[in-house]
Amino acid sequence: MPLELADARRLIVLAQEHALQYGKAITVAVVDAGGFLLALDRQDGARPLTPSIATSKAYSAAVMQRPTNMLKAWSESDPVFFSQVARMGQHPIVATEGGVTIKRDGELLGGIGVSGGRPEEDQEICEAALTAAGFELTFEAWGTRR
């Protein structure tokens, strides 16, 4: 079952509700499994670049089929190749906190990206929204079976 617009909107609301504890204005982006934008919301006061950052985080999580924080080791171990791959898609591939693959019943459905807080806050907001909506948060390391 593909990710639907209603799912994307619900994830945005859940992320924004969770972000209240940090007192920061955020942008949340949700993309489908192909990395195409389903929904994006920039809160009043969120910095101007946050929509682009959130979209890149969501896109990266979807097309790389892993949360963006799992890409850090690859970006550090082979920075030249990673930088080339990072420019290949419709959005930059990023290796940071705050982009999580959306997964239900083992099926990869898309990605969510948050920008506006510190990296660890963005990550926590993504995970809290996904958990509240009933999505999975377990991802095996690269090179292992899903």
N, C-alpha and C. Protein backbone atom coordinates (compact mmCIF):
# COMPACT_ATOMS: atom_id res chain seq x y z
N MET A 1 0.85 -1.17 0.00
CA MET A 1 0.00 0.00 0.00
C MET A 1 0.90 1.24 0.00
N PRO A 2 0.73 2.12 -0.95
CA PRO A 2 1.58 3.32 -1.00
C PRO A 2 1.23 4.32 0.10
N LEU A 3 2.16 5.19 0.37
CA LEU A 3 1.94 6.27 1.32
C LEU A 3 0.93 7.23 0.73
N GLU A 4 -0.05 7.60 1.51
CA GLU A 4 -1.10 8.49 1.01
C GLU A 4 -0.94 9.89 1.57
N LEU A 5 -1.58 10.84 0.91
CA LEU A 5 -1.52 12.23 1.34
C LEU A 5 -2.01 12.39 2.78
N ALA A 6 -3.03 11.64 3.15
CA ALA A 6 -3.54 11.71 4.52
C ALA A 6 -2.47 11.29 5.53
N ASP A 7 -1.67 10.26 5.18
CA ASP A 7 -0.56 9.85 6.04
C ASP A 7 0.46 10.97 6.17
N ALA A 8 0.78 11.59 5.05
CA ALA A 8 1.77 12.67 5.05
C ALA A 8 1.30 13.84 5.91
N ARG A 9 0.06 14.20 5.76
CA ARG A 9 -0.48 15.32 6.56
C ARG A 9 -0.48 14.98 8.04
N ARG A 10 -0.83 13.75 8.37
CA ARG A 10 -0.84 13.33 9.78
C ARG A 10 0.57 13.37 10.36
N LEU A 11 1.55 12.90 9.60
CA LEU A 11 2.94 12.93 10.08
C LEU A 11 3.40 14.37 10.33
N ILE A 12 3.00 15.28 9.46
CA ILE A 12 3.38 16.68 9.65
C ILE A 12 2.79 17.23 10.94
N VAL A 13 1.52 16.97 11.17
CA VAL A 13 0.87 17.45 12.39
C VAL A 13 1.54 16.84 13.62
N LEU A 14 1.80 15.55 13.60
CA LEU A 14 2.45 14.89 14.74
C LEU A 14 3.84 15.46 14.99
N ALA A 15 4.59 15.70 13.92
CA ALA A 15 5.94 16.27 14.07
C ALA A 15 5.86 17.67 14.67
N GLN A 16 4.95 18.47 14.17
CA GLN A 16 4.82 19.83 14.69
C GLN A 16 4.40 19.83 16.16
N GLU A 17 3.51 18.93 16.53
CA GLU A 17 3.09 18.83 17.93
C GLU A 17 4.28 18.46 18.82
N HIS A 18 5.08 17.52 18.34
CA HIS A 18 6.24 17.09 19.13
C HIS A 18 7.30 18.19 19.20
N ALA A 19 7.42 18.98 18.16
CA ALA A 19 8.42 20.05 18.12
C ALA A 19 8.13 21.16 19.12
N LEU A 20 6.90 21.25 19.60
CA LEU A 20 6.54 22.29 20.56
C LEU A 20 7.44 22.25 21.80
N GLN A 21 7.86 21.06 22.20
CA GLN A 21 8.70 20.95 23.40
C GLN A 21 10.06 21.62 23.22
N TYR A 22 10.50 21.80 21.99
CA TYR A 22 11.78 22.45 21.73
C TYR A 22 11.64 23.96 21.54
N GLY A 23 10.41 24.41 21.32
CA GLY A 23 10.18 25.83 21.15
C GLY A 23 10.79 26.41 19.90
N LYS A 24 10.88 25.60 18.85
CA LYS A 24 11.47 26.06 17.60
C LYS A 24 10.49 25.87 16.46
N ALA A 25 10.53 26.79 15.51
CA ALA A 25 9.71 26.65 14.31
C ALA A 25 10.44 25.71 13.35
N ILE A 26 9.71 24.76 12.81
CA ILE A 26 10.32 23.74 11.94
C ILE A 26 9.61 23.69 10.59
N THR A 27 10.27 23.01 9.67
CA THR A 27 9.65 22.61 8.42
C THR A 27 9.67 21.09 8.38
N VAL A 28 8.58 20.50 7.93
CA VAL A 28 8.47 19.05 7.79
C VAL A 28 8.15 18.75 6.33
N ALA A 29 8.89 17.81 5.75
CA ALA A 29 8.63 17.34 4.39
C ALA A 29 8.38 15.84 4.42
N VAL A 30 7.44 15.39 3.60
CA VAL A 30 7.15 13.97 3.46
C VAL A 30 7.14 13.64 1.98
N VAL A 31 7.91 12.60 1.61
CA VAL A 31 8.00 12.17 0.22
C VAL A 31 7.56 10.71 0.10
N ASP A 32 7.21 10.31 -1.11
CA ASP A 32 6.85 8.91 -1.35
C ASP A 32 8.13 8.09 -1.57
N ALA A 33 7.97 6.80 -1.89
CA ALA A 33 9.11 5.91 -2.04
C ALA A 33 10.05 6.33 -3.17
N GLY A 34 9.55 7.03 -4.15
CA GLY A 34 10.39 7.52 -5.24
C GLY A 34 11.05 8.84 -4.95
N GLY A 35 10.77 9.40 -3.78
CA GLY A 35 11.37 10.67 -3.39
C GLY A 35 10.57 11.88 -3.84
N PHE A 36 9.36 11.67 -4.34
CA PHE A 36 8.55 12.78 -4.81
C PHE A 36 7.74 13.37 -3.65
N LEU A 37 7.74 14.68 -3.56
CA LEU A 37 7.12 15.39 -2.47
C LEU A 37 5.61 15.14 -2.41
N LEU A 38 5.13 14.72 -1.24
CA LEU A 38 3.70 14.57 -0.99
C LEU A 38 3.15 15.78 -0.25
N ALA A 39 3.91 16.23 0.75
CA ALA A 39 3.45 17.37 1.56
C ALA A 39 4.64 18.03 2.23
N LEU A 40 4.51 19.34 2.41
CA LEU A 40 5.54 20.12 3.08
C LEU A 40 4.85 21.25 3.83
N ASP A 41 5.30 21.50 5.05
CA ASP A 41 4.74 22.60 5.82
C ASP A 41 5.86 23.32 6.56
N ARG A 42 5.96 24.61 6.31
CA ARG A 42 6.93 25.46 7.00
C ARG A 42 6.17 26.32 8.00
N GLN A 43 6.47 26.14 9.27
CA GLN A 43 5.80 26.90 10.30
C GLN A 43 6.22 28.36 10.25
N ASP A 44 5.33 29.21 10.73
CA ASP A 44 5.68 30.63 10.86
C ASP A 44 6.96 30.75 11.66
N GLY A 45 7.88 31.53 11.18
CA GLY A 45 9.14 31.76 11.87
C GLY A 45 10.24 30.78 11.54
N ALA A 46 9.94 29.72 10.79
CA ALA A 46 11.00 28.79 10.39
C ALA A 46 11.93 29.47 9.40
N ARG A 47 13.19 29.22 9.53
CA ARG A 47 14.18 29.86 8.67
C ARG A 47 13.92 29.55 7.20
N PRO A 48 14.29 30.46 6.30
CA PRO A 48 13.97 30.32 4.88
C PRO A 48 14.53 29.08 4.19
N LEU A 49 15.67 28.58 4.63
CA LEU A 49 16.26 27.42 3.95
C LEU A 49 15.71 26.09 4.45
N THR A 50 14.94 26.10 5.54
CA THR A 50 14.47 24.84 6.12
C THR A 50 13.61 23.99 5.17
N PRO A 51 12.81 24.57 4.27
CA PRO A 51 12.06 23.70 3.35
C PRO A 51 12.98 22.87 2.44
N SER A 52 14.04 23.48 1.95
CA SER A 52 14.98 22.75 1.09
C SER A 52 15.71 21.67 1.87
N ILE A 53 16.11 21.99 3.10
CA ILE A 53 16.83 21.02 3.92
C ILE A 53 15.92 19.85 4.29
N ALA A 54 14.71 20.14 4.74
CA ALA A 54 13.78 19.08 5.11
C ALA A 54 13.46 18.18 3.92
N THR A 55 13.29 18.78 2.76
CA THR A 55 13.01 17.98 1.56
C THR A 55 14.19 17.09 1.21
N SER A 56 15.41 17.60 1.30
CA SER A 56 16.59 16.77 1.01
C SER A 56 16.72 15.63 2.01
N LYS A 57 16.41 15.89 3.28
CA LYS A 57 16.46 14.83 4.28
C LYS A 57 15.43 13.74 3.97
N ALA A 58 14.20 14.14 3.68
CA ALA A 58 13.15 13.17 3.37
C ALA A 58 13.49 12.39 2.10
N TYR A 59 13.95 13.10 1.08
CA TYR A 59 14.32 12.48 -0.20
C TYR A 59 15.44 11.45 0.02
N SER A 60 16.46 11.85 0.76
CA SER A 60 17.59 10.95 1.02
C SER A 60 17.14 9.68 1.73
N ALA A 61 16.30 9.84 2.75
CA ALA A 61 15.81 8.68 3.50
C ALA A 61 15.01 7.74 2.61
N ALA A 62 14.25 8.31 1.68
CA ALA A 62 13.42 7.48 0.79
C ALA A 62 14.26 6.76 -0.25
N VAL A 63 15.06 7.49 -1.01
CA VAL A 63 15.76 6.86 -2.14
C VAL A 63 16.95 6.02 -1.71
N MET A 64 17.54 6.33 -0.55
CA MET A 64 18.64 5.51 -0.05
C MET A 64 18.11 4.37 0.82
N GLN A 65 16.82 4.40 1.12
CA GLN A 65 16.12 3.35 1.86
C GLN A 65 16.69 3.08 3.24
N ARG A 66 17.21 4.14 3.83
CA ARG A 66 17.75 4.11 5.19
C ARG A 66 17.63 5.51 5.77
N PRO A 67 17.48 5.63 7.09
CA PRO A 67 17.53 6.95 7.71
C PRO A 67 18.84 7.66 7.37
N THR A 68 18.78 8.96 7.26
CA THR A 68 19.96 9.72 6.83
C THR A 68 21.13 9.59 7.80
N ASN A 69 20.86 9.38 9.08
CA ASN A 69 21.98 9.22 10.01
C ASN A 69 22.75 7.93 9.76
N MET A 70 22.15 6.96 9.08
CA MET A 70 22.85 5.72 8.73
C MET A 70 23.79 5.92 7.54
N LEU A 71 23.73 7.07 6.89
CA LEU A 71 24.60 7.35 5.75
C LEU A 71 25.92 7.99 6.18
N LYS A 72 26.03 8.38 7.45
CA LYS A 72 27.22 9.07 7.92
C LYS A 72 28.50 8.27 7.72
N ALA A 73 28.47 7.00 8.08
CA ALA A 73 29.68 6.18 7.96
C ALA A 73 30.14 6.09 6.51
N TRP A 74 29.19 5.94 5.60
CA TRP A 74 29.54 5.88 4.18
C TRP A 74 30.14 7.20 3.72
N SER A 75 29.54 8.31 4.11
CA SER A 75 30.04 9.62 3.67
C SER A 75 31.44 9.88 4.23
N GLU A 76 31.73 9.35 5.41
CA GLU A 76 33.05 9.54 6.00
C GLU A 76 34.09 8.57 5.46
N SER A 77 33.67 7.34 5.13
CA SER A 77 34.63 6.34 4.66
C SER A 77 35.00 6.51 3.19
N ASP A 78 34.10 7.10 2.40
CA ASP A 78 34.37 7.29 0.98
C ASP A 78 33.80 8.64 0.54
N PRO A 79 34.38 9.73 1.03
CA PRO A 79 33.80 11.06 0.81
C PRO A 79 33.73 11.48 -0.66
N VAL A 80 34.69 11.07 -1.46
CA VAL A 80 34.68 11.47 -2.87
C VAL A 80 33.50 10.82 -3.59
N PHE A 81 33.35 9.52 -3.43
CA PHE A 81 32.24 8.82 -4.08
C PHE A 81 30.90 9.31 -3.53
N PHE A 82 30.82 9.46 -2.20
CA PHE A 82 29.57 9.93 -1.61
C PHE A 82 29.19 11.30 -2.17
N SER A 83 30.14 12.19 -2.30
CA SER A 83 29.82 13.53 -2.81
C SER A 83 29.33 13.47 -4.26
N GLN A 84 29.84 12.51 -5.03
CA GLN A 84 29.35 12.35 -6.41
C GLN A 84 27.93 11.81 -6.43
N VAL A 85 27.67 10.79 -5.63
CA VAL A 85 26.33 10.21 -5.55
C VAL A 85 25.34 11.24 -5.01
N ALA A 86 25.79 12.04 -4.06
CA ALA A 86 24.92 13.01 -3.39
C ALA A 86 24.33 14.04 -4.35
N ARG A 87 24.93 14.19 -5.51
CA ARG A 87 24.44 15.17 -6.49
C ARG A 87 23.65 14.53 -7.64
N MET A 88 23.46 13.25 -7.62
CA MET A 88 22.86 12.55 -8.76
C MET A 88 21.35 12.67 -8.87
N GLY A 89 20.65 12.77 -7.80
CA GLY A 89 19.19 12.74 -7.84
C GLY A 89 18.58 14.10 -8.03
N GLN A 90 17.28 14.16 -7.82
CA GLN A 90 16.56 15.43 -7.97
C GLN A 90 16.77 16.38 -6.80
N HIS A 91 17.28 15.84 -5.66
CA HIS A 91 17.64 16.64 -4.49
C HIS A 91 18.97 16.10 -3.98
N PRO A 92 19.72 16.91 -3.25
CA PRO A 92 20.97 16.40 -2.68
C PRO A 92 20.73 15.27 -1.69
N ILE A 93 21.64 14.30 -1.67
CA ILE A 93 21.62 13.24 -0.66
C ILE A 93 22.42 13.77 0.52
N VAL A 94 21.84 13.70 1.70
CA VAL A 94 22.50 14.22 2.89
C VAL A 94 22.70 13.11 3.92
N ALA A 95 23.79 13.21 4.67
CA ALA A 95 24.12 12.24 5.71
C ALA A 95 24.14 12.97 7.04
N THR A 96 22.97 13.11 7.63
CA THR A 96 22.83 13.87 8.87
C THR A 96 21.63 13.35 9.62
N GLU A 97 21.36 13.91 10.76
CA GLU A 97 20.17 13.57 11.54
C GLU A 97 18.95 14.27 10.94
N GLY A 98 17.78 13.70 11.14
CA GLY A 98 16.55 14.38 10.77
C GLY A 98 15.88 13.94 9.49
N GLY A 99 16.30 12.82 8.94
CA GLY A 99 15.62 12.23 7.80
C GLY A 99 15.43 10.75 8.07
N VAL A 100 14.18 10.28 8.05
CA VAL A 100 13.91 8.89 8.40
C VAL A 100 13.02 8.25 7.35
N THR A 101 13.37 7.05 6.98
CA THR A 101 12.60 6.28 6.02
C THR A 101 11.27 5.88 6.67
N ILE A 102 10.20 5.99 5.90
CA ILE A 102 8.88 5.60 6.39
C ILE A 102 8.65 4.14 5.97
N LYS A 103 8.38 3.30 6.97
CA LYS A 103 8.28 1.87 6.73
C LYS A 103 7.11 1.30 7.53
N ARG A 104 6.31 0.47 6.86
CA ARG A 104 5.20 -0.22 7.53
C ARG A 104 5.17 -1.67 7.05
N ASP A 105 5.07 -2.60 7.99
CA ASP A 105 5.04 -4.03 7.68
C ASP A 105 6.20 -4.44 6.78
N GLY A 106 7.37 -3.84 7.04
CA GLY A 106 8.56 -4.15 6.27
C GLY A 106 8.66 -3.48 4.92
N GLU A 107 7.62 -2.78 4.50
CA GLU A 107 7.61 -2.12 3.18
C GLU A 107 8.06 -0.67 3.31
N LEU A 108 9.00 -0.28 2.45
CA LEU A 108 9.50 1.09 2.43
C LEU A 108 8.52 1.94 1.63
N LEU A 109 7.97 2.97 2.30
CA LEU A 109 6.90 3.77 1.70
C LEU A 109 7.32 5.18 1.33
N GLY A 110 8.41 5.69 1.92
CA GLY A 110 8.81 7.06 1.66
C GLY A 110 9.79 7.55 2.69
N GLY A 111 9.78 8.88 2.90
CA GLY A 111 10.68 9.47 3.88
C GLY A 111 10.08 10.72 4.48
N ILE A 112 10.51 11.02 5.70
CA ILE A 112 10.13 12.25 6.38
C ILE A 112 11.40 13.00 6.73
N GLY A 113 11.38 14.30 6.56
CA GLY A 113 12.53 15.13 6.91
C GLY A 113 12.07 16.31 7.73
N VAL A 114 12.86 16.65 8.73
CA VAL A 114 12.58 17.80 9.59
C VAL A 114 13.80 18.69 9.63
N SER A 115 13.56 19.99 9.56
CA SER A 115 14.63 20.97 9.69
C SER A 115 14.14 22.14 10.51
N GLY A 116 15.01 22.65 11.36
CA GLY A 116 14.67 23.81 12.17
C GLY A 116 15.24 23.74 13.57
N GLY A 117 15.49 22.53 14.04
CA GLY A 117 16.08 22.35 15.36
C GLY A 117 17.54 21.94 15.22
N ARG A 118 18.14 21.58 16.34
CA ARG A 118 19.47 20.97 16.28
C ARG A 118 19.31 19.60 15.62
N PRO A 119 20.36 19.05 15.03
CA PRO A 119 20.22 17.76 14.33
C PRO A 119 19.55 16.67 15.17
N GLU A 120 19.96 16.55 16.43
CA GLU A 120 19.37 15.50 17.27
C GLU A 120 17.89 15.78 17.57
N GLU A 121 17.51 17.04 17.62
CA GLU A 121 16.10 17.39 17.81
C GLU A 121 15.29 17.02 16.56
N ASP A 122 15.83 17.35 15.40
CA ASP A 122 15.15 17.00 14.15
C ASP A 122 14.93 15.49 14.07
N GLN A 123 15.94 14.72 14.44
CA GLN A 123 15.85 13.26 14.42
C GLN A 123 14.77 12.77 15.38
N GLU A 124 14.79 13.30 16.57
CA GLU A 124 13.82 12.90 17.60
C GLU A 124 12.40 13.22 17.16
N ILE A 125 12.22 14.36 16.53
CA ILE A 125 10.89 14.76 16.05
C ILE A 125 10.39 13.78 14.99
N CYS A 126 11.26 13.41 14.05
CA CYS A 126 10.89 12.43 13.02
C CYS A 126 10.48 11.11 13.66
N GLU A 127 11.30 10.62 14.56
CA GLU A 127 11.04 9.33 15.18
C GLU A 127 9.76 9.35 16.01
N ALA A 128 9.52 10.44 16.72
CA ALA A 128 8.31 10.55 17.54
C ALA A 128 7.06 10.56 16.66
N ALA A 129 7.10 11.29 15.55
CA ALA A 129 5.95 11.34 14.64
C ALA A 129 5.69 9.96 14.03
N LEU A 130 6.74 9.29 13.58
CA LEU A 130 6.57 7.98 12.98
C LEU A 130 6.03 6.96 13.99
N THR A 131 6.55 7.01 15.20
CA THR A 131 6.08 6.09 16.24
C THR A 131 4.61 6.34 16.55
N ALA A 132 4.24 7.61 16.71
CA ALA A 132 2.85 7.96 17.02
C ALA A 132 1.90 7.53 15.91
N ALA A 133 2.38 7.52 14.67
CA ALA A 133 1.54 7.14 13.54
C ALA A 133 1.57 5.64 13.27
N GLY A 134 2.36 4.89 14.02
CA GLY A 134 2.39 3.44 13.87
C GLY A 134 3.33 2.90 12.82
N PHE A 135 4.32 3.69 12.41
CA PHE A 135 5.31 3.22 11.44
C PHE A 135 6.48 2.58 12.17
N GLU A 136 7.28 1.81 11.44
CA GLU A 136 8.43 1.10 12.01
C GLU A 136 9.66 1.99 12.04
N LEU A 137 10.55 1.71 13.00
CA LEU A 137 11.79 2.46 13.11
C LEU A 137 13.02 1.57 13.09
N THR A 138 12.88 0.32 12.74
CA THR A 138 14.04 -0.57 12.71
C THR A 138 14.56 -0.70 11.30
N PHE A 139 15.88 -0.53 11.17
CA PHE A 139 16.55 -0.63 9.88
C PHE A 139 17.86 -1.36 10.09
N GLU A 140 18.09 -2.37 9.26
CA GLU A 140 19.32 -3.13 9.38
C GLU A 140 20.46 -2.37 8.72
N ALA A 141 21.66 -2.67 9.16
CA ALA A 141 22.85 -2.02 8.61
C ALA A 141 22.99 -2.35 7.12
N TRP A 142 23.74 -1.53 6.42
CA TRP A 142 24.00 -1.77 4.99
C TRP A 142 24.57 -3.15 4.79
N GLY A 143 24.20 -3.78 3.69
CA GLY A 143 24.76 -5.08 3.33
C GLY A 143 24.05 -6.24 3.98
N THR A 144 23.02 -5.99 4.77
CA THR A 144 22.26 -7.09 5.37
C THR A 144 20.89 -7.11 4.74
N ARG A 145 20.20 -8.20 4.92
CA ARG A 145 18.86 -8.33 4.34
C ARG A 145 17.87 -7.48 5.11
N ARG A 146 16.85 -6.97 4.39
CA ARG A 146 15.79 -6.18 5.03
C ARG A 146 14.77 -7.10 5.61
